[in-house]
Amino acid sequence: MTAILLGILGLTCLLILADGVLRNRPYELPFLAAATTAAFAVPQLIGLYRSPLHPVSDVALNKTLVMVCLCIVMLRFGWRRGCAGAPVAA
């Protein structure tokens, strides 16, 4: 299950990065968040998954991977939807 979740996270980051490059918007928040996650969090999570010295429970790692995936996907959905129609209270 952990390997599948790692694959889902990697694929999610890759799709968001590809979308940012294809739409020529590499400086928007979803692209930068996916790049940071792919560059820093994914290698750390892979290391935790394969570490023989400091084993982490699969349940804890799975919960972490699900939460990271949800955060990246919801950031993307929120960015695409925008808040242009929301009134600002002063």
N, C-alpha and C. Protein backbone atom coordinates (compact mmCIF):
# COMPACT_ATOMS: atom_id res chain seq x y z
N MET A 1 0.82 -1.20 0.00
CA MET A 1 0.00 0.00 0.00
C MET A 1 0.86 1.25 0.00
N THR A 2 1.95 1.23 0.75
CA THR A 2 2.82 2.39 0.82
C THR A 2 3.46 2.69 -0.52
N ALA A 3 3.87 1.64 -1.23
CA ALA A 3 4.48 1.84 -2.54
C ALA A 3 3.48 2.44 -3.53
N ILE A 4 2.24 2.01 -3.44
CA ILE A 4 1.20 2.56 -4.31
C ILE A 4 0.98 4.04 -4.00
N LEU A 5 0.93 4.38 -2.72
CA LEU A 5 0.73 5.78 -2.33
C LEU A 5 1.93 6.64 -2.75
N LEU A 6 3.14 6.10 -2.66
CA LEU A 6 4.31 6.84 -3.14
C LEU A 6 4.21 7.08 -4.65
N GLY A 7 3.74 6.09 -5.38
CA GLY A 7 3.54 6.25 -6.82
C GLY A 7 2.48 7.29 -7.14
N ILE A 8 1.40 7.27 -6.38
CA ILE A 8 0.34 8.27 -6.58
C ILE A 8 0.87 9.68 -6.31
N LEU A 9 1.64 9.82 -5.24
CA LEU A 9 2.21 11.14 -4.93
C LEU A 9 3.16 11.60 -6.03
N GLY A 10 4.01 10.71 -6.49
CA GLY A 10 4.93 11.07 -7.56
C GLY A 10 4.20 11.44 -8.84
N LEU A 11 3.16 10.68 -9.18
CA LEU A 11 2.38 10.96 -10.38
C LEU A 11 1.62 12.28 -10.25
N THR A 12 1.09 12.53 -9.08
CA THR A 12 0.38 13.80 -8.84
C THR A 12 1.31 14.99 -9.03
N CYS A 13 2.49 14.91 -8.44
CA CYS A 13 3.46 15.99 -8.59
C CYS A 13 3.87 16.16 -10.05
N LEU A 14 4.09 15.03 -10.73
CA LEU A 14 4.49 15.08 -12.13
C LEU A 14 3.41 15.71 -13.01
N LEU A 15 2.16 15.37 -12.77
CA LEU A 15 1.07 15.95 -13.57
C LEU A 15 0.93 17.45 -13.33
N ILE A 16 1.06 17.88 -12.10
CA ILE A 16 0.96 19.32 -11.81
C ILE A 16 2.15 20.06 -12.42
N LEU A 17 3.33 19.48 -12.35
CA LEU A 17 4.50 20.10 -12.97
C LEU A 17 4.35 20.18 -14.48
N ALA A 18 3.87 19.10 -15.09
CA ALA A 18 3.69 19.11 -16.55
C ALA A 18 2.65 20.14 -16.96
N ASP A 19 1.58 20.26 -16.19
CA ASP A 19 0.55 21.25 -16.51
C ASP A 19 1.10 22.66 -16.40
N GLY A 20 1.92 22.92 -15.40
CA GLY A 20 2.51 24.24 -15.25
C GLY A 20 3.46 24.59 -16.38
N VAL A 21 4.21 23.61 -16.85
CA VAL A 21 5.14 23.85 -17.95
C VAL A 21 4.38 24.02 -19.26
N LEU A 22 3.39 23.16 -19.51
CA LEU A 22 2.65 23.24 -20.76
C LEU A 22 1.83 24.53 -20.87
N ARG A 23 1.31 25.02 -19.76
CA ARG A 23 0.55 26.26 -19.79
C ARG A 23 1.44 27.49 -19.62
N ASN A 24 2.75 27.26 -19.52
CA ASN A 24 3.74 28.33 -19.38
C ASN A 24 3.46 29.19 -18.14
N ARG A 25 3.23 28.51 -17.01
CA ARG A 25 2.99 29.19 -15.74
C ARG A 25 3.82 28.55 -14.62
N PRO A 26 5.14 28.62 -14.75
CA PRO A 26 5.97 27.95 -13.74
C PRO A 26 6.13 28.73 -12.43
N TYR A 27 5.57 29.92 -12.35
CA TYR A 27 5.73 30.71 -11.13
C TYR A 27 4.46 30.77 -10.30
N GLU A 28 3.47 29.97 -10.65
CA GLU A 28 2.24 29.93 -9.86
C GLU A 28 2.42 28.96 -8.69
N LEU A 29 1.61 29.15 -7.67
CA LEU A 29 1.75 28.40 -6.42
C LEU A 29 1.64 26.88 -6.59
N PRO A 30 0.69 26.33 -7.35
CA PRO A 30 0.64 24.87 -7.46
C PRO A 30 1.90 24.27 -8.07
N PHE A 31 2.47 24.93 -9.06
CA PHE A 31 3.70 24.43 -9.67
C PHE A 31 4.84 24.45 -8.67
N LEU A 32 4.98 25.53 -7.94
CA LEU A 32 6.07 25.64 -6.98
C LEU A 32 5.89 24.66 -5.81
N ALA A 33 4.65 24.46 -5.37
CA ALA A 33 4.39 23.50 -4.29
C ALA A 33 4.68 22.08 -4.74
N ALA A 34 4.30 21.74 -5.97
CA ALA A 34 4.57 20.40 -6.49
C ALA A 34 6.06 20.19 -6.70
N ALA A 35 6.76 21.22 -7.16
CA ALA A 35 8.21 21.10 -7.34
C ALA A 35 8.92 20.91 -6.00
N THR A 36 8.49 21.66 -5.00
CA THR A 36 9.10 21.52 -3.67
C THR A 36 8.81 20.14 -3.09
N THR A 37 7.59 19.67 -3.25
CA THR A 37 7.23 18.35 -2.75
C THR A 37 8.03 17.26 -3.47
N ALA A 38 8.14 17.39 -4.80
CA ALA A 38 8.88 16.38 -5.56
C ALA A 38 10.37 16.41 -5.24
N ALA A 39 10.91 17.58 -4.96
CA ALA A 39 12.35 17.69 -4.72
C ALA A 39 12.75 17.35 -3.29
N PHE A 40 11.91 17.65 -2.32
CA PHE A 40 12.30 17.47 -0.93
C PHE A 40 11.51 16.38 -0.20
N ALA A 41 10.20 16.38 -0.32
CA ALA A 41 9.39 15.45 0.47
C ALA A 41 9.42 14.03 -0.08
N VAL A 42 9.33 13.87 -1.39
CA VAL A 42 9.29 12.53 -1.97
C VAL A 42 10.55 11.73 -1.66
N PRO A 43 11.76 12.29 -1.84
CA PRO A 43 12.95 11.50 -1.47
C PRO A 43 13.01 11.15 0.02
N GLN A 44 12.54 12.05 0.88
CA GLN A 44 12.53 11.76 2.31
C GLN A 44 11.54 10.64 2.63
N LEU A 45 10.39 10.67 1.98
CA LEU A 45 9.38 9.62 2.22
C LEU A 45 9.85 8.28 1.69
N ILE A 46 10.54 8.28 0.56
CA ILE A 46 11.10 7.03 0.04
C ILE A 46 12.15 6.49 1.00
N GLY A 47 12.97 7.38 1.55
CA GLY A 47 13.97 6.95 2.53
C GLY A 47 13.34 6.37 3.78
N LEU A 48 12.25 6.96 4.24
CA LEU A 48 11.54 6.42 5.40
C LEU A 48 10.94 5.05 5.08
N TYR A 49 10.46 4.89 3.88
CA TYR A 49 9.84 3.64 3.47
C TYR A 49 10.86 2.50 3.41
N ARG A 50 12.07 2.81 2.97
CA ARG A 50 13.08 1.77 2.76
C ARG A 50 14.12 1.68 3.87
N SER A 51 14.00 2.45 4.91
CA SER A 51 15.01 2.51 5.96
C SER A 51 15.00 1.25 6.83
N PRO A 52 16.14 0.53 6.90
CA PRO A 52 16.20 -0.63 7.78
C PRO A 52 16.60 -0.26 9.21
N LEU A 53 17.20 0.90 9.38
CA LEU A 53 17.72 1.28 10.70
C LEU A 53 16.66 1.89 11.61
N HIS A 54 15.82 2.72 11.06
CA HIS A 54 14.78 3.39 11.84
C HIS A 54 13.42 3.09 11.21
N PRO A 55 12.88 1.93 11.50
CA PRO A 55 11.61 1.58 10.85
C PRO A 55 10.46 2.47 11.32
N VAL A 56 9.69 2.89 10.38
CA VAL A 56 8.49 3.68 10.65
C VAL A 56 7.30 2.78 10.36
N SER A 57 6.29 2.85 11.18
CA SER A 57 5.13 1.99 10.95
C SER A 57 4.47 2.34 9.61
N ASP A 58 3.97 1.32 8.95
CA ASP A 58 3.32 1.53 7.66
C ASP A 58 2.07 2.39 7.80
N VAL A 59 1.39 2.26 8.92
CA VAL A 59 0.17 3.05 9.14
C VAL A 59 0.51 4.54 9.18
N ALA A 60 1.56 4.89 9.92
CA ALA A 60 1.95 6.30 10.02
C ALA A 60 2.41 6.84 8.67
N LEU A 61 3.18 6.05 7.94
CA LEU A 61 3.65 6.49 6.64
C LEU A 61 2.51 6.61 5.64
N ASN A 62 1.56 5.68 5.69
CA ASN A 62 0.41 5.77 4.80
C ASN A 62 -0.44 7.00 5.09
N LYS A 63 -0.65 7.30 6.36
CA LYS A 63 -1.41 8.51 6.72
C LYS A 63 -0.70 9.77 6.23
N THR A 64 0.61 9.79 6.35
CA THR A 64 1.38 10.94 5.88
C THR A 64 1.26 11.09 4.37
N LEU A 65 1.38 9.99 3.65
CA LEU A 65 1.29 10.05 2.18
C LEU A 65 -0.10 10.48 1.72
N VAL A 66 -1.13 9.98 2.36
CA VAL A 66 -2.49 10.38 1.99
C VAL A 66 -2.67 11.88 2.24
N MET A 67 -2.18 12.37 3.35
CA MET A 67 -2.34 13.79 3.67
C MET A 67 -1.56 14.67 2.69
N VAL A 68 -0.35 14.27 2.33
CA VAL A 68 0.44 15.04 1.37
C VAL A 68 -0.26 15.07 0.02
N CYS A 69 -0.78 13.93 -0.42
CA CYS A 69 -1.51 13.89 -1.70
C CYS A 69 -2.74 14.79 -1.66
N LEU A 70 -3.49 14.72 -0.57
CA LEU A 70 -4.67 15.58 -0.44
C LEU A 70 -4.31 17.05 -0.46
N CYS A 71 -3.23 17.41 0.23
CA CYS A 71 -2.82 18.82 0.26
C CYS A 71 -2.45 19.32 -1.13
N ILE A 72 -1.70 18.54 -1.87
CA ILE A 72 -1.28 18.96 -3.21
C ILE A 72 -2.48 19.06 -4.15
N VAL A 73 -3.36 18.08 -4.11
CA VAL A 73 -4.52 18.08 -5.00
C VAL A 73 -5.48 19.22 -4.65
N MET A 74 -5.74 19.43 -3.37
CA MET A 74 -6.66 20.51 -2.98
C MET A 74 -6.07 21.88 -3.26
N LEU A 75 -4.76 22.02 -3.15
CA LEU A 75 -4.12 23.28 -3.52
C LEU A 75 -4.35 23.57 -4.99
N ARG A 76 -4.23 22.55 -5.80
CA ARG A 76 -4.45 22.70 -7.24
C ARG A 76 -5.90 23.06 -7.55
N PHE A 77 -6.85 22.33 -6.93
CA PHE A 77 -8.26 22.63 -7.16
C PHE A 77 -8.61 24.04 -6.69
N GLY A 78 -8.13 24.43 -5.55
CA GLY A 78 -8.41 25.77 -5.04
C GLY A 78 -7.82 26.85 -5.92
N TRP A 79 -6.64 26.61 -6.45
CA TRP A 79 -6.01 27.60 -7.32
C TRP A 79 -6.78 27.74 -8.63
N ARG A 80 -7.23 26.60 -9.18
CA ARG A 80 -7.98 26.65 -10.44
C ARG A 80 -9.33 27.34 -10.26
N ARG A 81 -9.96 27.09 -9.13
CA ARG A 81 -11.27 27.70 -8.88
C ARG A 81 -11.15 29.19 -8.63
N GLY A 82 -10.16 29.58 -7.84
CA GLY A 82 -9.95 30.98 -7.55
C GLY A 82 -10.98 31.52 -6.58
N CYS A 83 -10.80 32.76 -6.20
CA CYS A 83 -11.74 33.40 -5.29
C CYS A 83 -12.11 34.78 -5.81
N ALA A 84 -12.20 34.92 -7.13
CA ALA A 84 -12.51 36.22 -7.72
C ALA A 84 -13.92 36.68 -7.39
N GLY A 85 -14.84 35.74 -7.18
CA GLY A 85 -16.21 36.11 -6.90
C GLY A 85 -16.50 36.31 -5.42
N ALA A 86 -15.54 36.05 -4.57
CA ALA A 86 -15.78 36.16 -3.13
C ALA A 86 -15.70 37.62 -2.69
N PRO A 87 -16.70 38.11 -1.98
CA PRO A 87 -16.63 39.49 -1.50
C PRO A 87 -15.65 39.60 -0.34
N VAL A 88 -15.01 40.73 -0.28
CA VAL A 88 -14.05 40.99 0.79
C VAL A 88 -14.71 41.93 1.79
N ALA A 89 -14.80 41.49 3.04
CA ALA A 89 -15.40 42.31 4.10
C ALA A 89 -14.33 43.20 4.71
N ALA A 90 -14.64 44.45 4.87
CA ALA A 90 -13.68 45.37 5.44
C ALA A 90 -13.94 45.61 6.90
